[in-house]
N, C-alpha and C. Protein backbone atom coordinates (compact mmCIF):
# COMPACT_ATOMS: atom_id res chain seq x y z
N MET A 1 31.84 -46.81 -4.76
CA MET A 1 32.64 -45.31 -5.04
C MET A 1 33.88 -45.07 -4.19
N GLU A 2 34.72 -44.76 -4.76
CA GLU A 2 36.48 -44.29 -3.99
C GLU A 2 35.85 -42.80 -3.47
N PRO A 3 36.64 -42.62 -2.31
CA PRO A 3 36.95 -41.56 -1.45
C PRO A 3 36.66 -40.33 -2.77
N GLN A 4 36.32 -38.82 -2.52
CA GLN A 4 36.86 -38.23 -2.99
C GLN A 4 38.33 -37.60 -2.38
N GLN A 5 39.40 -37.03 -3.34
CA GLN A 5 40.09 -36.54 -2.56
C GLN A 5 40.55 -35.14 -2.93
N SER A 6 41.02 -34.31 -1.90
CA SER A 6 41.91 -32.78 -2.25
C SER A 6 43.11 -32.94 -2.01
N ILE A 7 43.66 -32.48 -2.79
CA ILE A 7 45.30 -32.56 -3.18
C ILE A 7 45.69 -31.05 -2.87
N ILE A 8 46.98 -31.10 -2.21
CA ILE A 8 47.38 -29.51 -2.14
C ILE A 8 49.11 -29.76 -2.52
N GLN A 9 48.85 -29.06 -3.44
CA GLN A 9 50.22 -28.47 -3.63
C GLN A 9 51.20 -27.96 -2.64
N ASN A 10 52.17 -28.85 -2.17
CA ASN A 10 53.02 -27.89 -1.62
C ASN A 10 54.88 -27.90 -2.62
N THR A 11 55.41 -26.62 -2.38
CA THR A 11 56.41 -26.61 -2.80
C THR A 11 56.76 -26.07 -2.08
N HIS A 12 58.38 -25.49 -2.41
CA HIS A 12 59.26 -24.60 -1.70
C HIS A 12 59.11 -23.20 -2.82
N ASP A 13 58.57 -23.17 -3.82
CA ASP A 13 58.83 -21.90 -4.72
C ASP A 13 57.27 -21.58 -5.01
N ASP A 14 55.93 -22.54 -4.73
CA ASP A 14 54.63 -22.27 -4.76
C ASP A 14 53.83 -23.13 -3.65
N GLN A 15 53.35 -22.48 -2.74
CA GLN A 15 51.93 -23.42 -2.30
C GLN A 15 50.98 -22.47 -2.21
N SER A 16 49.67 -23.73 -2.57
CA SER A 16 48.44 -23.52 -3.05
C SER A 16 47.60 -23.93 -1.24
N THR A 17 46.80 -23.45 -1.40
CA THR A 17 45.88 -23.52 0.32
C THR A 17 44.79 -23.42 0.12
N ILE A 18 43.78 -24.31 0.65
CA ILE A 18 42.43 -24.34 0.69
C ILE A 18 41.90 -23.39 1.74
N PRO A 19 41.15 -22.54 1.18
CA PRO A 19 40.64 -21.68 2.44
C PRO A 19 39.78 -22.35 3.65
N PRO A 20 40.19 -21.92 4.78
CA PRO A 20 39.48 -23.07 5.95
C PRO A 20 37.74 -22.69 5.69
N LYS A 21 37.33 -23.74 6.09
CA LYS A 21 35.57 -23.77 5.67
C LYS A 21 35.04 -22.21 6.39
N LYS A 22 35.35 -21.60 7.63
CA LYS A 22 34.62 -20.85 8.20
C LYS A 22 34.96 -19.43 7.28
N GLU A 23 36.03 -19.63 6.69
CA GLU A 23 36.31 -18.36 5.56
C GLU A 23 35.40 -18.65 4.65
N HIS A 24 35.44 -19.56 3.96
CA HIS A 24 34.46 -19.92 2.73
C HIS A 24 32.94 -19.24 2.93
N PHE A 25 32.50 -20.15 4.41
CA PHE A 25 31.08 -20.00 4.69
C PHE A 25 31.02 -18.23 4.84
N LEU A 26 31.84 -17.70 5.77
CA LEU A 26 31.39 -16.36 5.37
C LEU A 26 31.59 -15.50 3.98
N LYS A 27 32.26 -15.84 3.16
CA LYS A 27 32.47 -15.59 1.87
C LYS A 27 31.16 -15.94 0.99
N GLU A 28 30.47 -16.69 1.44
CA GLU A 28 28.75 -17.21 0.90
C GLU A 28 27.97 -16.55 1.73
N ILE A 29 27.91 -16.05 2.94
CA ILE A 29 27.02 -15.31 3.95
C ILE A 29 27.09 -13.90 2.85
N ILE A 30 28.32 -13.46 3.05
CA ILE A 30 28.09 -11.90 2.31
C ILE A 30 27.88 -11.60 1.16
N LYS A 31 28.50 -12.94 0.18
CA LYS A 31 27.72 -13.05 -1.52
C LYS A 31 26.02 -13.11 -1.22
N PHE A 32 25.53 -13.86 -0.78
CA PHE A 32 24.13 -14.16 -0.44
C PHE A 32 23.57 -12.91 -0.11
N THR A 33 23.59 -12.27 1.26
CA THR A 33 23.37 -10.77 1.50
C THR A 33 23.62 -10.02 0.36
N LEU A 34 23.98 -9.90 -0.27
CA LEU A 34 24.47 -8.69 -1.44
C LEU A 34 23.18 -9.13 -2.65
N ILE A 35 23.11 -10.31 -2.81
CA ILE A 35 22.26 -10.78 -4.44
C ILE A 35 20.89 -10.34 -3.52
N ALA A 36 20.70 -10.88 -2.17
CA ALA A 36 19.59 -10.51 -2.07
C ALA A 36 19.11 -9.18 -1.50
N LEU A 37 20.25 -8.14 -1.03
CA LEU A 37 19.94 -6.38 -1.28
C LEU A 37 19.31 -6.31 -2.33
N ALA A 38 19.91 -6.70 -3.29
CA ALA A 38 19.93 -6.18 -4.51
C ALA A 38 18.21 -6.68 -5.53
N VAL A 39 17.82 -7.96 -4.92
CA VAL A 39 16.61 -8.18 -5.36
C VAL A 39 15.11 -7.57 -4.28
N VAL A 40 15.91 -7.42 -2.83
CA VAL A 40 15.07 -6.73 -2.09
C VAL A 40 14.68 -4.77 -2.02
N ILE A 41 15.81 -4.47 -1.89
CA ILE A 41 15.92 -3.07 -2.29
C ILE A 41 14.79 -2.23 -2.86
N PRO A 42 15.00 -2.68 -4.60
CA PRO A 42 14.45 -2.14 -5.41
C PRO A 42 12.96 -2.91 -5.74
N ILE A 43 12.30 -3.93 -4.78
CA ILE A 43 11.28 -4.25 -4.79
C ILE A 43 10.58 -3.66 -3.68
N ARG A 44 11.40 -3.42 -2.51
CA ARG A 44 11.13 -2.03 -1.46
C ARG A 44 10.57 -1.10 -1.64
N THR A 45 11.33 -0.67 -2.56
CA THR A 45 11.58 0.57 -2.67
C THR A 45 10.46 1.07 -4.46
N TYR A 46 10.38 0.26 -5.37
CA TYR A 46 9.65 0.58 -6.37
C TYR A 46 8.06 -0.51 -6.92
N VAL A 47 8.28 -1.76 -5.85
CA VAL A 47 7.41 -2.88 -6.37
C VAL A 47 6.22 -2.52 -5.15
N ALA A 48 6.39 -2.92 -4.20
CA ALA A 48 5.73 -3.73 -2.89
C ALA A 48 6.53 -3.31 -1.72
N GLN A 49 5.75 -2.53 -0.83
CA GLN A 49 6.45 -2.67 0.61
C GLN A 49 5.65 -2.50 1.88
N PRO A 50 5.84 -3.10 3.36
CA PRO A 50 4.72 -3.41 3.93
C PRO A 50 4.46 -1.94 5.04
N PHE A 51 3.17 -2.43 5.39
CA PHE A 51 2.63 -1.13 6.41
C PHE A 51 1.75 -2.00 7.43
N ILE A 52 1.73 -1.12 8.42
CA ILE A 52 1.19 -1.45 9.62
C ILE A 52 0.02 -0.77 9.94
N VAL A 53 -0.96 -1.08 9.59
CA VAL A 53 -2.22 0.05 10.36
C VAL A 53 -2.30 0.61 11.27
N ASN A 54 -2.30 1.27 11.58
CA ASN A 54 -2.26 2.30 13.08
C ASN A 54 -3.63 3.34 12.72
N GLY A 55 -4.71 2.97 13.95
CA GLY A 55 -5.70 3.63 14.25
C GLY A 55 -7.12 2.88 13.26
N PHE A 56 -8.44 3.56 13.86
CA PHE A 56 -9.17 2.96 13.50
C PHE A 56 -10.31 3.91 12.66
N SER A 57 -9.20 4.48 11.64
CA SER A 57 -10.41 5.56 10.49
C SER A 57 -11.12 4.52 9.45
N MET A 58 -10.67 3.42 9.28
CA MET A 58 -10.76 2.51 8.21
C MET A 58 -11.78 1.27 9.15
N TYR A 59 -12.42 1.20 10.09
CA TYR A 59 -12.49 -0.34 10.76
C TYR A 59 -14.13 -0.08 10.58
N PRO A 60 -14.65 -1.18 10.37
CA PRO A 60 -14.33 -2.71 10.42
C PRO A 60 -13.52 -3.31 9.33
N THR A 61 -13.68 -2.47 8.03
CA THR A 61 -12.48 -3.20 6.94
C THR A 61 -10.82 -3.11 7.57
N PHE A 62 -10.65 -2.27 7.99
CA PHE A 62 -8.89 -2.59 8.51
C PHE A 62 -9.00 -2.20 10.27
N SER A 63 -8.55 -3.02 10.96
CA SER A 63 -8.02 -2.71 12.18
C SER A 63 -7.22 -2.57 12.50
N SER A 64 -6.38 -1.75 13.67
CA SER A 64 -5.14 -1.17 14.25
C SER A 64 -4.08 -2.41 14.34
N GLY A 65 -2.96 -2.12 13.93
CA GLY A 65 -2.13 -3.22 14.05
C GLY A 65 -2.11 -4.58 13.21
N GLU A 66 -3.12 -4.59 11.94
CA GLU A 66 -2.77 -5.34 11.06
C GLU A 66 -1.91 -5.14 9.99
N TYR A 67 -1.19 -6.09 9.22
CA TYR A 67 0.31 -5.89 8.68
C TYR A 67 -0.30 -6.24 7.14
N LEU A 68 0.18 -5.20 6.31
CA LEU A 68 -0.37 -4.94 4.90
C LEU A 68 0.57 -4.86 4.04
N ILE A 69 0.92 -5.67 2.61
CA ILE A 69 1.30 -5.69 1.46
C ILE A 69 0.90 -4.90 0.57
N VAL A 70 1.63 -3.68 0.15
CA VAL A 70 1.16 -2.76 -0.16
C VAL A 70 1.70 -2.52 -1.79
N ASP A 71 0.90 -2.64 -2.97
CA ASP A 71 1.41 -2.90 -4.33
C ASP A 71 1.62 -1.34 -4.54
N GLU A 72 2.54 -0.87 -4.99
CA GLU A 72 3.11 0.12 -5.48
C GLU A 72 3.26 0.34 -7.19
N LEU A 73 3.27 -0.49 -7.81
CA LEU A 73 3.52 -0.67 -9.12
C LEU A 73 2.49 -0.55 -9.91
N THR A 74 1.25 -1.07 -9.55
CA THR A 74 0.02 -1.05 -10.30
C THR A 74 -0.53 0.40 -11.02
N TYR A 75 -0.34 1.27 -9.83
CA TYR A 75 -0.81 2.62 -10.62
C TYR A 75 0.05 3.35 -11.55
N ASN A 76 1.50 2.87 -11.81
CA ASN A 76 2.31 3.40 -12.74
C ASN A 76 1.66 2.91 -14.24
N PHE A 77 0.44 2.05 -14.13
CA PHE A 77 0.07 1.58 -15.64
C PHE A 77 -1.35 1.55 -15.60
N LYS A 78 -2.13 1.76 -14.87
CA LYS A 78 -3.84 2.06 -14.60
C LYS A 78 -3.94 3.18 -13.30
N LYS A 79 -5.06 3.59 -13.87
CA LYS A 79 -5.36 5.16 -12.71
C LYS A 79 -6.70 4.46 -11.79
N PRO A 80 -6.11 4.65 -10.35
CA PRO A 80 -6.86 4.30 -9.25
C PRO A 80 -8.70 4.32 -9.75
N GLU A 81 -9.17 3.58 -9.53
CA GLU A 81 -10.55 3.36 -9.66
C GLU A 81 -11.69 3.77 -8.37
N ARG A 82 -12.84 3.98 -8.42
CA ARG A 82 -13.60 4.67 -7.62
C ARG A 82 -13.86 3.05 -6.78
N GLN A 83 -13.53 3.15 -5.23
CA GLN A 83 -13.80 2.14 -4.14
C GLN A 83 -12.69 1.93 -3.76
N ASP A 84 -11.21 1.77 -4.57
CA ASP A 84 -10.05 1.48 -4.36
C ASP A 84 -9.70 1.97 -2.71
N VAL A 85 -9.65 0.75 -1.73
CA VAL A 85 -8.24 1.50 -0.74
C VAL A 85 -7.19 1.55 -0.72
N ILE A 86 -6.48 2.29 -0.76
CA ILE A 86 -5.37 3.23 -0.93
C ILE A 86 -4.76 3.37 0.00
N VAL A 87 -2.97 3.50 -0.29
CA VAL A 87 -2.43 4.10 1.14
C VAL A 87 -1.94 5.14 0.34
N LEU A 88 -1.54 6.47 0.74
CA LEU A 88 -1.52 7.79 0.54
C LEU A 88 -0.46 8.36 1.35
N ARG A 89 0.31 8.86 0.90
CA ARG A 89 1.07 10.48 1.61
C ARG A 89 0.03 11.07 2.18
N TYR A 90 -0.01 11.79 3.59
CA TYR A 90 -0.63 12.75 3.82
C TYR A 90 -0.68 14.08 3.84
N PRO A 91 -1.27 15.04 2.27
CA PRO A 91 -0.18 16.03 1.95
C PRO A 91 0.18 17.16 2.91
N LEU A 92 -0.72 17.23 4.22
CA LEU A 92 -0.43 18.25 4.86
C LEU A 92 1.29 17.86 5.93
N SER A 93 1.28 17.03 5.55
CA SER A 93 2.53 16.00 6.39
C SER A 93 3.44 14.76 5.07
N PRO A 94 3.92 14.63 4.15
CA PRO A 94 4.19 13.70 3.45
C PRO A 94 4.73 12.38 3.69
N LYS A 95 5.42 13.28 4.86
CA LYS A 95 6.32 12.06 5.90
C LYS A 95 5.37 10.60 6.50
N THR A 96 3.78 11.17 6.42
CA THR A 96 3.14 10.42 7.12
C THR A 96 1.74 9.62 6.49
N TYR A 97 1.66 8.06 6.42
CA TYR A 97 0.96 7.59 5.42
C TYR A 97 -0.59 7.61 6.24
N PHE A 98 -1.52 7.51 5.21
CA PHE A 98 -2.95 7.06 5.74
C PHE A 98 -3.28 6.35 5.02
N ILE A 99 -4.59 5.11 4.92
CA ILE A 99 -5.09 4.62 4.25
C ILE A 99 -6.27 4.80 4.27
N LYS A 100 -7.22 4.93 2.93
CA LYS A 100 -8.42 5.88 2.70
C LYS A 100 -9.14 5.04 1.46
N ARG A 101 -10.35 5.26 1.41
CA ARG A 101 -10.77 4.44 0.23
C ARG A 101 -11.39 5.78 -0.89
N ILE A 102 -10.93 5.62 -2.33
CA ILE A 102 -11.37 6.65 -3.55
C ILE A 102 -13.23 6.54 -3.55
N ILE A 103 -13.78 7.90 -3.38
CA ILE A 103 -14.78 7.93 -3.21
C ILE A 103 -14.95 8.74 -4.81
N GLY A 104 -14.54 10.16 -4.74
CA GLY A 104 -14.51 10.85 -5.79
C GLY A 104 -13.41 10.59 -7.44
N LEU A 105 -13.23 10.71 -8.27
CA LEU A 105 -12.35 10.60 -9.33
C LEU A 105 -12.13 12.09 -9.64
N PRO A 106 -11.39 12.05 -10.78
CA PRO A 106 -10.93 13.61 -11.54
C PRO A 106 -11.97 14.12 -11.92
N GLU A 107 -12.49 15.76 -12.37
CA GLU A 107 -13.36 16.13 -12.93
C GLU A 107 -14.62 15.52 -12.86
N GLU A 108 -14.98 15.34 -11.20
CA GLU A 108 -16.22 14.67 -10.76
C GLU A 108 -16.66 15.57 -9.92
N THR A 109 -17.97 16.24 -10.04
CA THR A 109 -18.74 16.80 -9.04
C THR A 109 -18.85 15.94 -7.39
N LEU A 110 -18.93 15.99 -6.32
CA LEU A 110 -19.89 15.15 -5.32
C LEU A 110 -19.90 15.83 -4.58
N ILE A 111 -21.76 15.32 -4.08
CA ILE A 111 -22.47 16.39 -3.53
C ILE A 111 -23.22 15.17 -2.51
N VAL A 112 -22.82 15.62 -1.34
CA VAL A 112 -23.17 14.96 -0.36
C VAL A 112 -24.05 15.36 0.57
N LYS A 113 -24.98 14.71 1.04
CA LYS A 113 -26.44 15.41 1.83
C LYS A 113 -26.95 14.50 2.88
N ASP A 114 -26.72 15.01 3.97
CA ASP A 114 -26.73 13.91 4.96
C ASP A 114 -26.00 12.62 5.16
N GLY A 115 -24.75 12.79 4.54
CA GLY A 115 -23.63 11.75 4.69
C GLY A 115 -24.31 10.87 3.46
N GLN A 116 -25.09 10.99 2.51
CA GLN A 116 -25.22 10.13 1.26
C GLN A 116 -24.36 11.10 0.22
N ILE A 117 -23.87 10.08 -0.89
CA ILE A 117 -23.32 10.48 -1.66
C ILE A 117 -23.48 10.21 -2.97
N THR A 118 -23.43 11.80 -3.90
CA THR A 118 -23.80 11.70 -5.18
C THR A 118 -22.98 11.98 -5.79
N ILE A 119 -22.54 11.33 -7.29
CA ILE A 119 -21.51 11.50 -8.02
C ILE A 119 -22.35 12.05 -9.46
N ILE A 120 -21.56 13.41 -9.92
CA ILE A 120 -22.17 13.53 -11.47
C ILE A 120 -20.22 14.09 -12.12
N ASN A 121 -21.14 13.18 -12.84
CA ASN A 121 -19.67 12.98 -13.99
C ASN A 121 -20.40 13.29 -15.49
N LYS A 122 -19.54 13.12 -16.66
CA LYS A 122 -19.71 13.08 -17.99
C LYS A 122 -21.03 11.69 -18.14
N GLU A 123 -20.61 10.61 -17.61
CA GLU A 123 -21.47 9.79 -18.07
C GLU A 123 -22.58 9.32 -17.36
N ASN A 124 -22.65 10.22 -16.29
CA ASN A 124 -23.73 10.36 -14.99
C ASN A 124 -24.16 12.15 -14.72
N PRO A 125 -24.33 12.59 -16.16
CA PRO A 125 -24.81 14.06 -15.86
C PRO A 125 -26.22 14.54 -14.58
N GLU A 126 -26.85 13.42 -14.96
CA GLU A 126 -27.87 13.49 -13.21
C GLU A 126 -27.54 13.19 -12.06
N GLY A 127 -26.29 12.11 -11.91
CA GLY A 127 -25.88 11.88 -10.82
C GLY A 127 -26.00 10.56 -10.43
N ILE A 128 -25.15 9.66 -9.86
CA ILE A 128 -25.50 8.61 -9.43
C ILE A 128 -25.32 8.63 -7.85
N THR A 129 -25.61 7.44 -6.98
CA THR A 129 -25.52 7.83 -5.66
C THR A 129 -24.71 5.86 -5.21
N ILE A 130 -23.51 6.77 -4.51
CA ILE A 130 -22.77 5.76 -4.32
C ILE A 130 -23.08 4.62 -2.90
N ASN A 131 -22.81 3.14 -3.40
CA ASN A 131 -23.10 2.36 -2.56
C ASN A 131 -21.76 2.16 -1.91
N ASP A 132 -22.12 2.66 -0.27
CA ASP A 132 -21.44 2.34 0.73
C ASP A 132 -21.62 1.49 2.10
N SER A 133 -22.00 0.25 1.79
CA SER A 133 -22.52 -0.98 2.68
C SER A 133 -22.02 -1.04 3.59
N TYR A 134 -20.29 -0.92 3.27
CA TYR A 134 -19.38 -1.63 3.84
C TYR A 134 -19.60 -0.13 5.29
N VAL A 135 -19.90 0.68 5.15
CA VAL A 135 -20.07 1.86 6.07
C VAL A 135 -21.17 0.80 7.34
N VAL A 136 -20.55 0.74 8.48
CA VAL A 136 -21.53 0.44 9.54
C VAL A 136 -22.38 1.60 10.22
N PRO A 137 -23.93 1.28 10.39
CA PRO A 137 -24.48 2.55 10.89
C PRO A 137 -23.99 3.35 11.99
N SER A 138 -23.53 2.76 12.98
CA SER A 138 -22.52 3.73 13.89
C SER A 138 -21.45 4.53 13.53
N HIS A 139 -21.08 4.26 12.31
CA HIS A 139 -20.15 4.92 12.00
C HIS A 139 -20.14 6.07 10.79
N ARG A 140 -21.86 6.17 10.66
CA ARG A 140 -21.78 7.00 9.62
C ARG A 140 -21.88 8.36 10.28
N LYS A 141 -21.72 9.55 9.25
CA LYS A 141 -21.93 10.77 9.34
C LYS A 141 -22.63 11.74 8.50
N LYS A 142 -23.85 12.72 9.14
CA LYS A 142 -24.62 13.46 8.31
C LYS A 142 -24.29 14.19 7.75
N ASP A 143 -22.87 14.49 6.65
CA ASP A 143 -21.94 15.70 6.14
C ASP A 143 -22.86 15.89 5.15
N ASN A 144 -22.92 17.23 4.71
CA ASN A 144 -23.11 17.96 4.18
C ASN A 144 -22.46 19.24 3.15
N PHE A 145 -22.28 18.72 2.03
CA PHE A 145 -21.31 19.66 1.03
C PHE A 145 -20.89 18.96 -0.71
N LYS A 146 -20.65 19.58 -1.24
CA LYS A 146 -20.03 19.68 -2.10
C LYS A 146 -18.95 20.12 -2.89
N ILE A 147 -18.53 19.39 -3.50
CA ILE A 147 -17.40 19.70 -4.17
C ILE A 147 -16.83 19.65 -5.46
N THR A 148 -15.77 20.22 -6.74
CA THR A 148 -15.88 19.68 -7.86
C THR A 148 -14.11 19.33 -7.67
N LEU A 149 -14.02 18.06 -8.24
CA LEU A 149 -12.65 17.44 -8.27
C LEU A 149 -11.57 18.45 -9.62
N GLY A 150 -10.54 18.58 -9.34
CA GLY A 150 -9.51 19.00 -10.94
C GLY A 150 -8.75 17.17 -11.57
N PRO A 151 -8.53 17.92 -12.62
CA PRO A 151 -8.16 16.69 -13.37
C PRO A 151 -7.16 15.93 -12.78
N LYS A 152 -6.59 15.80 -11.72
CA LYS A 152 -5.53 15.01 -10.99
C LYS A 152 -6.24 14.94 -9.84
N GLU A 153 -7.52 15.05 -9.19
CA GLU A 153 -7.39 15.05 -7.90
C GLU A 153 -8.52 14.25 -7.32
N TYR A 154 -8.38 13.57 -6.21
CA TYR A 154 -9.44 12.50 -5.75
C TYR A 154 -9.78 13.02 -4.73
N PHE A 155 -11.26 12.27 -4.26
CA PHE A 155 -11.60 12.32 -2.48
C PHE A 155 -11.52 11.17 -2.51
N VAL A 156 -11.31 11.14 -1.02
CA VAL A 156 -10.95 9.95 0.16
C VAL A 156 -11.97 10.44 1.04
N MET A 157 -11.99 8.98 1.57
CA MET A 157 -12.60 8.83 2.48
C MET A 157 -12.21 7.47 3.75
N GLY A 158 -12.29 7.51 5.00
CA GLY A 158 -12.45 6.33 6.05
C GLY A 158 -13.63 5.75 5.84
N ASP A 159 -13.40 4.70 6.21
CA ASP A 159 -14.88 4.06 6.13
C ASP A 159 -15.46 4.06 7.79
N ASN A 160 -14.97 4.44 8.58
CA ASN A 160 -15.38 4.76 9.89
C ASN A 160 -15.31 6.46 9.68
N ARG A 161 -16.93 6.90 9.00
CA ARG A 161 -16.99 8.23 9.10
C ARG A 161 -16.58 8.93 10.01
N THR A 162 -17.23 8.93 10.98
CA THR A 162 -16.78 9.43 12.29
C THR A 162 -15.68 9.94 13.20
N GLU A 163 -14.44 8.67 12.53
CA GLU A 163 -13.19 8.83 13.26
C GLU A 163 -12.29 9.13 11.99
N SER A 164 -12.12 9.57 11.25
CA SER A 164 -11.64 9.45 9.54
C SER A 164 -11.23 11.31 9.58
N SER A 165 -10.25 11.34 9.56
CA SER A 165 -9.34 12.53 9.23
C SER A 165 -8.86 12.28 7.43
N ASP A 166 -9.72 12.80 6.79
CA ASP A 166 -9.65 12.42 4.70
C ASP A 166 -10.42 13.28 4.32
N SER A 167 -10.58 13.73 3.14
CA SER A 167 -10.73 14.90 2.42
C SER A 167 -11.83 15.79 2.66
N ARG A 168 -12.45 15.61 3.44
CA ARG A 168 -13.38 16.11 3.78
C ARG A 168 -13.32 17.12 4.86
N VAL A 169 -12.17 16.85 5.75
CA VAL A 169 -11.09 17.43 6.75
C VAL A 169 -10.17 19.05 5.72
N TRP A 170 -9.50 17.91 5.31
CA TRP A 170 -8.03 19.20 4.51
C TRP A 170 -8.66 18.45 2.62
N GLY A 171 -9.05 18.47 1.95
CA GLY A 171 -9.74 18.51 0.85
C GLY A 171 -8.94 17.63 -0.29
N SER A 172 -8.98 17.75 -1.52
CA SER A 172 -8.99 16.70 -2.66
C SER A 172 -7.56 16.03 -2.29
N LEU A 173 -7.53 14.99 -2.64
CA LEU A 173 -5.84 14.35 -2.90
C LEU A 173 -5.84 14.12 -4.08
N GLU A 174 -4.23 15.29 -4.71
CA GLU A 174 -3.68 15.21 -5.62
C GLU A 174 -3.05 13.35 -5.98
N GLU A 175 -3.32 13.41 -7.23
CA GLU A 175 -2.71 12.09 -8.09
C GLU A 175 -0.93 11.71 -7.25
N LYS A 176 -0.81 12.78 -7.04
CA LYS A 176 0.85 12.34 -6.80
C LYS A 176 0.89 11.82 -5.14
N TYR A 177 0.39 12.07 -3.98
CA TYR A 177 0.52 11.72 -3.24
C TYR A 177 -0.15 10.44 -3.04
N ILE A 178 -0.42 9.74 -3.80
CA ILE A 178 -0.86 8.30 -3.92
C ILE A 178 0.49 7.35 -4.06
N VAL A 179 0.77 6.18 -3.13
CA VAL A 179 1.50 5.54 -3.12
C VAL A 179 0.57 4.00 -3.09
N GLY A 180 -0.01 3.50 -3.34
CA GLY A 180 -0.10 1.88 -3.98
C GLY A 180 -1.56 1.57 -3.30
N ARG A 181 -1.71 0.51 -3.54
CA ARG A 181 -3.13 -0.10 -3.01
C ARG A 181 -2.62 -1.70 -2.12
N PRO A 182 -3.30 -1.90 -1.03
CA PRO A 182 -2.89 -3.14 -0.04
C PRO A 182 -3.02 -4.18 -1.17
N ILE A 183 -2.27 -5.22 -1.45
CA ILE A 183 -2.62 -6.44 -1.89
C ILE A 183 -2.92 -7.50 -1.22
N ILE A 184 -2.20 -7.63 -0.22
CA ILE A 184 -2.15 -8.71 0.77
C ILE A 184 -2.44 -8.30 2.37
N ARG A 185 -3.35 -8.99 3.06
CA ARG A 185 -3.26 -9.00 4.62
C ARG A 185 -2.54 -9.79 5.20
N LEU A 186 -1.67 -9.87 5.81
CA LEU A 186 -0.40 -11.17 6.78
C LEU A 186 -1.17 -11.27 7.91
N THR A 187 -1.60 -10.15 8.55
CA THR A 187 -2.14 -10.43 10.18
C THR A 187 -3.54 -9.54 10.21
N PRO A 188 -4.34 -10.08 11.01
CA PRO A 188 -3.91 -11.18 12.14
C PRO A 188 -4.21 -12.69 10.89
N LEU A 189 -3.40 -13.63 11.67
CA LEU A 189 -3.73 -14.90 10.78
C LEU A 189 -5.22 -15.50 10.27
N SER A 190 -5.98 -14.61 11.13
CA SER A 190 -7.46 -15.44 10.89
C SER A 190 -8.08 -14.93 9.71
N LYS A 191 -7.45 -13.23 9.36
CA LYS A 191 -8.34 -12.54 8.49
C LYS A 191 -6.98 -12.04 7.08
N ILE A 192 -5.99 -12.89 6.90
CA ILE A 192 -5.06 -13.60 5.82
C ILE A 192 -6.46 -13.47 4.17
N SER A 193 -5.65 -12.74 3.56
CA SER A 193 -6.53 -12.36 2.47
C SER A 193 -5.63 -11.52 1.14
N PHE A 194 -6.32 -11.44 -0.18
CA PHE A 194 -5.72 -10.63 -0.85
C PHE A 194 -6.68 -9.94 -1.21
N PHE A 195 -6.48 -8.71 -1.58
CA PHE A 195 -6.71 -7.41 -1.96
C PHE A 195 -8.07 -6.98 -0.86
N PRO A 196 -7.43 -6.74 0.43
CA PRO A 196 -8.35 -6.55 1.52
C PRO A 196 -8.92 -5.29 0.99
N GLY A 197 -9.73 -5.27 1.18
CA GLY A 197 -11.13 -4.01 1.13
C GLY A 197 -12.24 -3.92 0.01
N LYS A 198 -12.08 -4.83 -0.90
CA LYS A 198 -12.52 -4.91 -2.18
C LYS A 198 -14.06 -4.78 -1.66
């Protein structure tokens, strides 16, 4: 196979040159960066973004320092469900993000007696008791209250009931404050998982 030739035309009237390799490399880097930004920014804004857990309100389901990828798209097409773990904007300071678990759904009544949660809704007018076996005994709290949710309100709680600031403290959560749900736990490596908290 003959070696390939690069031809440069060189006349007094017309001079054509090949850009130096360094300049060509720089153009490729800029082009790649622009394409990457065009893909990454919309994904980060509308589809998924990373969050780091800070605190122990969801322990042992989530520990402080865990790195999560949060799906921000799904709840545009389906409603959040009971027991979903969600990332939300704290209603009293929307620039702050919390991670909690959905306990009550819109238009339900929650009756909590000694920490045991009973849900009353159209399907269960006599009430059903919530299975919260993910709450370890030392993290339980003997709360007593009753609340009825509005048509776009949710009741959220941390799995570590003794350490969590949640709907028991600041009230029901309006749907507009829900950011999304964790779909991947990336760290620690020993706990990598999809849909953590299920």
